[in-house]
C-alpha atoms as a PDB file:
ATOM      1  CA  MET A   1     147.018 -24.506  47.325  1.00  0.00           C
ATOM      2  CA  LYS A   2     144.327 -24.543  49.992  1.00  0.00           C
ATOM      3  CA  GLY A   3     144.130 -26.590  53.139  1.00  0.00           C
ATOM      4  CA  LYS A   4     145.736 -27.522  56.348  1.00  0.00           C
ATOM      5  CA  ILE A   5     149.396 -28.435  56.447  1.00  0.00           C
ATOM      6  CA  PHE A   6     149.619 -31.711  58.354  1.00  0.00           C
ATOM      7  CA  THR A   7     152.535 -33.158  60.273  1.00  0.00           C
ATOM      8  CA  PRO A   8     152.999 -36.885  59.726  1.00  0.00           C
ATOM      9  CA  ASP A   9     151.752 -37.462  63.257  1.00  0.00           C
ATOM     10  CA  GLU A  10     148.552 -35.502  62.672  1.00  0.00           C
ATOM     11  CA  ALA A  11     147.851 -37.340  59.439  1.00  0.00           C
ATOM     12  CA  ASN A  12     148.650 -40.725  60.991  1.00  0.00           C
ATOM     13  CA  ARG A  13     146.107 -40.158  63.740  1.00  0.00           C
ATOM     14  CA  MET A  14     143.422 -39.993  61.106  1.00  0.00           C
ATOM     15  CA  LEU A  15     144.425 -43.165  59.388  1.00  0.00           C
ATOM     16  CA  PRO A  16     141.996 -45.524  61.087  1.00  0.00           C
ATOM     17  CA  LEU A  17     139.076 -43.431  59.727  1.00  0.00           C
ATOM     18  CA  VAL A  18     140.812 -42.653  56.424  1.00  0.00           C
ATOM     19  CA  SER A  19     141.559 -46.319  55.895  1.00  0.00           C
ATOM     20  CA  ARG A  20     137.876 -47.248  56.274  1.00  0.00           C
ATOM     21  CA  ILE A  21     136.829 -44.478  53.940  1.00  0.00           C
ATOM     22  CA  ALA A  22     139.478 -45.590  51.393  1.00  0.00           C
ATOM     23  CA  ASP A  23     138.126 -49.123  51.501  1.00  0.00           C
ATOM     24  CA  ASP A  24     134.675 -47.728  50.799  1.00  0.00           C
ATOM     25  CA  ILE A  25     136.024 -45.534  47.956  1.00  0.00           C
ATOM     26  CA  VAL A  26     137.587 -48.579  46.272  1.00  0.00           C
ATOM     27  CA  SER A  27     134.327 -50.555  46.588  1.00  0.00           C
ATOM     28  CA  ALA A  28     132.253 -47.566  45.363  1.00  0.00           C
ATOM     29  CA  TYR A  29     134.598 -47.060  42.411  1.00  0.00           C
ATOM     30  CA  GLU A  30     134.123 -50.725  41.431  1.00  0.00           C
ATOM     31  CA  ARG A  31     130.322 -50.241  41.671  1.00  0.00           C
ATOM     32  CA  VAL A  32     130.482 -47.192  39.425  1.00  0.00           C
ATOM     33  CA  ASN A  33     132.473 -49.141  36.788  1.00  0.00           C
ATOM     34  CA  ASP A  34     130.092 -52.087  37.023  1.00  0.00           C
ATOM     35  CA  ALA A  35     127.058 -49.848  36.667  1.00  0.00           C
ATOM     36  CA  ILE A  36     128.601 -48.037  33.649  1.00  0.00           C
ATOM     37  CA  GLN A  37     129.355 -51.364  32.000  1.00  0.00           C
ATOM     38  CA  ALA A  38     125.778 -52.556  32.574  1.00  0.00           C
ATOM     39  CA  PHE A  39     124.413 -49.312  31.117  1.00  0.00           C
ATOM     40  CA  GLU A  40     126.735 -49.574  28.075  1.00  0.00           C
ATOM     41  CA  ALA A  41     125.698 -53.201  27.521  1.00  0.00           C
ATOM     42  CA  GLU A  42     122.004 -52.354  27.679  1.00  0.00           C
ATOM     43  CA  ARG A  43     122.033 -49.221  25.575  1.00  0.00           C
ATOM     44  CA  PRO A  44     122.304 -50.916  22.184  1.00  0.00           C
ATOM     45  CA  LYS A  45     119.577 -53.370  23.136  1.00  0.00           C
ATOM     46  CA  ALA A  46     117.298 -50.503  24.190  1.00  0.00           C
ATOM     47  CA  GLU A  47     117.986 -48.666  20.944  1.00  0.00           C
ATOM     48  CA  ALA A  48     116.888 -51.741  19.010  1.00  0.00           C
ATOM     49  CA  ASP A  49     113.888 -52.539  21.225  1.00  0.00           C
ATOM     50  CA  GLU A  50     112.105 -49.668  23.026  1.00  0.00           C
ATOM     51  CA  ASN A  51     110.527 -52.202  25.423  1.00  0.00           C
ATOM     52  CA  ARG A  52     113.945 -52.300  27.023  1.00  0.00           C
ATOM     53  CA  LEU A  53     113.967 -48.553  27.820  1.00  0.00           C
ATOM     54  CA  PRO A  54     112.801 -49.024  31.395  1.00  0.00           C
ATOM     55  CA  LEU A  55     115.751 -51.323  32.034  1.00  0.00           C
ATOM     56  CA  LEU A  56     118.089 -48.750  30.454  1.00  0.00           C
ATOM     57  CA  ARG A  57     116.623 -46.058  32.753  1.00  0.00           C
ATOM     58  CA  THR A  58     117.211 -48.382  35.755  1.00  0.00           C
ATOM     59  CA  CYS A  59     120.803 -48.788  34.641  1.00  0.00           C
ATOM     60  CA  ASP A  60     121.142 -45.002  34.321  1.00  0.00           C
ATOM     61  CA  ARG A  61     119.822 -44.548  37.848  1.00  0.00           C
ATOM     62  CA  ASP A  62     122.243 -47.129  39.097  1.00  0.00           C
ATOM     63  CA  VAL A  63     125.166 -45.181  37.551  1.00  0.00           C
ATOM     64  CA  THR A  64     123.893 -41.937  39.062  1.00  0.00           C
ATOM     65  CA  ALA A  65     123.527 -43.500  42.551  1.00  0.00           C
ATOM     66  CA  ALA A  66     126.957 -45.153  42.456  1.00  0.00           C
ATOM     67  CA  LEU A  67     128.532 -41.871  41.404  1.00  0.00           C
ATOM     68  CA  ALA A  68     126.747 -40.001  44.135  1.00  0.00           C
ATOM     69  CA  LYS A  69     128.093 -42.482  46.761  1.00  0.00           C
ATOM     70  CA  LEU A  70     131.600 -42.173  45.408  1.00  0.00           C
ATOM     71  CA  GLN A  71     131.396 -38.409  45.467  1.00  0.00           C
ATOM     72  CA  ALA A  72     130.105 -38.402  49.054  1.00  0.00           C
ATOM     73  CA  LEU A  73     133.086 -40.546  50.125  1.00  0.00           C
ATOM     74  CA  ILE A  74     135.485 -38.242  48.316  1.00  0.00           C
ATOM     75  CA  TYR A  75     133.939 -35.302  50.216  1.00  0.00           C
ATOM     76  CA  GLU A  76     134.462 -37.078  53.470  1.00  0.00           C
ATOM     77  CA  VAL A  77     138.203 -37.323  52.724  1.00  0.00           C
ATOM     78  CA  GLU A  78     138.294 -33.659  51.648  1.00  0.00           C
ATOM     79  CA  ASN A  79     136.516 -32.589  54.793  1.00  0.00           C
ATOM     80  CA  LEU A  80     139.314 -34.293  56.788  1.00  0.00           C
ATOM     81  CA  GLY A  81     141.860 -32.317  54.779  1.00  0.00           C
ATOM     82  CA  GLY A  82     142.920 -35.037  52.364  1.00  0.00           C
ATOM     83  CA  THR A  83     142.783 -35.496  48.636  1.00  0.00           C
ATOM     84  CA  VAL A  84     141.866 -38.730  46.879  1.00  0.00           C
ATOM     85  CA  LYS A  85     144.528 -39.442  44.271  1.00  0.00           C
ATOM     86  CA  ASP A  86     143.545 -42.888  43.072  1.00  0.00           C
ATOM     87  CA  HIS A  87     140.011 -44.264  43.452  1.00  0.00           C
ATOM     88  CA  ARG A  88     140.982 -47.770  42.309  1.00  0.00           C
ATOM     89  CA  LEU A  89     143.884 -48.190  44.705  1.00  0.00           C
ATOM     90  CA  GLY A  90     142.719 -45.994  47.564  1.00  0.00           C
ATOM     91  CA  LYS A  91     145.592 -43.473  47.491  1.00  0.00           C
ATOM     92  CA  ILE A  92     145.106 -40.342  49.610  1.00  0.00           C
ATOM     93  CA  ASP A  93     147.383 -37.398  50.038  1.00  0.00           C
ATOM     94  CA  PHE A  94     147.600 -34.705  52.689  1.00  0.00           C
ATOM     95  CA  TYR A  95     149.461 -31.431  52.484  1.00  0.00           C
ATOM     96  CA  GLY A  96     152.630 -31.545  54.580  1.00  0.00           C
ATOM     97  CA  GLU A  97     156.027 -29.908  54.835  1.00  0.00           C
ATOM     98  CA  VAL A  98     159.439 -31.441  54.238  1.00  0.00           C
ATOM     99  CA  ASP A  99     162.603 -29.359  54.489  1.00  0.00           C
ATOM    100  CA  GLY A 100     160.597 -26.150  54.278  1.00  0.00           C
ATOM    101  CA  GLU A 101     158.779 -27.187  51.114  1.00  0.00           C
ATOM    102  CA  ILE A 102     155.041 -27.855  50.901  1.00  0.00           C
ATOM    103  CA  VAL A 103     154.567 -31.400  49.698  1.00  0.00           C
ATOM    104  CA  TYR A 104     151.943 -34.183  49.596  1.00  0.00           C
ATOM    105  CA  LEU A 105     152.225 -36.667  52.470  1.00  0.00           C
ATOM    106  CA  CYS A 106     151.031 -39.759  50.639  1.00  0.00           C
ATOM    107  CA  TRP A 107     149.344 -42.904  51.867  1.00  0.00           C
ATOM    108  CA  GLN A 108     147.682 -45.868  50.217  1.00  0.00           C
ATOM    109  CA  ARG A 109     145.532 -48.727  51.400  1.00  0.00           C
ATOM    110  CA  GLY A 110     147.504 -51.334  53.240  1.00  0.00           C
ATOM    111  CA  GLU A 111     150.077 -48.979  54.636  1.00  0.00           C
ATOM    112  CA  GLU A 112     150.005 -48.641  58.460  1.00  0.00           C
ATOM    113  CA  VAL A 113     151.526 -45.172  58.568  1.00  0.00           C
ATOM    114  CA  ILE A 114     152.277 -42.315  56.230  1.00  0.00           C
ATOM    115  CA  GLY A 115     155.934 -42.890  55.421  1.00  0.00           C
ATOM    116  CA  PHE A 116     156.256 -41.198  52.014  1.00  0.00           C
ATOM    117  CA  PHE A 117     155.839 -37.835  50.320  1.00  0.00           C
ATOM    118  CA  HIS A 118     156.000 -36.408  46.834  1.00  0.00           C
ATOM    119  CA  GLY A 119     156.216 -32.857  45.443  1.00  0.00           C
ATOM    120  CA  LEU A 120     153.089 -30.994  44.507  1.00  0.00           C
ATOM    121  CA  GLU A 121     154.033 -31.181  40.874  1.00  0.00           C
ATOM    122  CA  GLU A 122     155.065 -34.870  41.021  1.00  0.00           C
ATOM    123  CA  ASN A 123     152.619 -37.702  40.488  1.00  0.00           C
ATOM    124  CA  SER A 124     152.060 -40.154  43.333  1.00  0.00           C
ATOM    125  CA  GLY A 125     154.332 -42.692  41.598  1.00  0.00           C
ATOM    126  CA  LYS A 126     157.314 -40.510  42.537  1.00  0.00           C
ATOM    127  CA  ARG A 127     157.086 -41.212  46.310  1.00  0.00           C
ATOM    128  CA  HIS A 128     160.067 -40.474  48.480  1.00  0.00           C
ATOM    129  CA  PRO A 129     160.569 -41.803  52.051  1.00  0.00           C
ATOM    130  CA  LEU A 130     159.914 -39.241  54.695  1.00  0.00           C
ATOM    131  CA  PRO A 131     163.094 -37.985  56.386  1.00  0.00           C
ATOM    132  CA  THR A 132     163.542 -39.684  59.739  1.00  0.00           C
ATOM    133  CA  LYS A 133     163.542 -36.416  61.630  1.00  0.00           C
ATOM    134  CA  ILE A 134     159.905 -35.750  60.685  1.00  0.00           C
ATOM    135  CA  ALA A 135     158.579 -39.266  60.060  1.00  0.00           C
ATOM    136  CA  ALA A 136     155.966 -40.379  62.485  1.00  0.00           C
END
């Protein structure tokens, strides 16, 4: 494990920025999927008709650009100390501590505060409410 251990208050103070980045991640992820689908749809046509190769190259560039944008957004979250757990839903975790154990403080788009955590070995579907004594 590497990274800062956040209190819920520290992580919550970043949520306005993290929320905007998460919105951008979800949009970028959709663009990646759309670009891949366009590439996959064009590939058999280009294999049958080499005049379509320029369009296939354009589709390939679109996939590359969309992936680069998504990766840049993921780096933004990582530079803040978070980890993107779900690109489609905009789930982001931060290292935290609950009852002396290092855990993930978990947040997802639409939530106003970080109110849940899960163990490092648990998936984000196993969210537990933060204990009141440390909840922000």
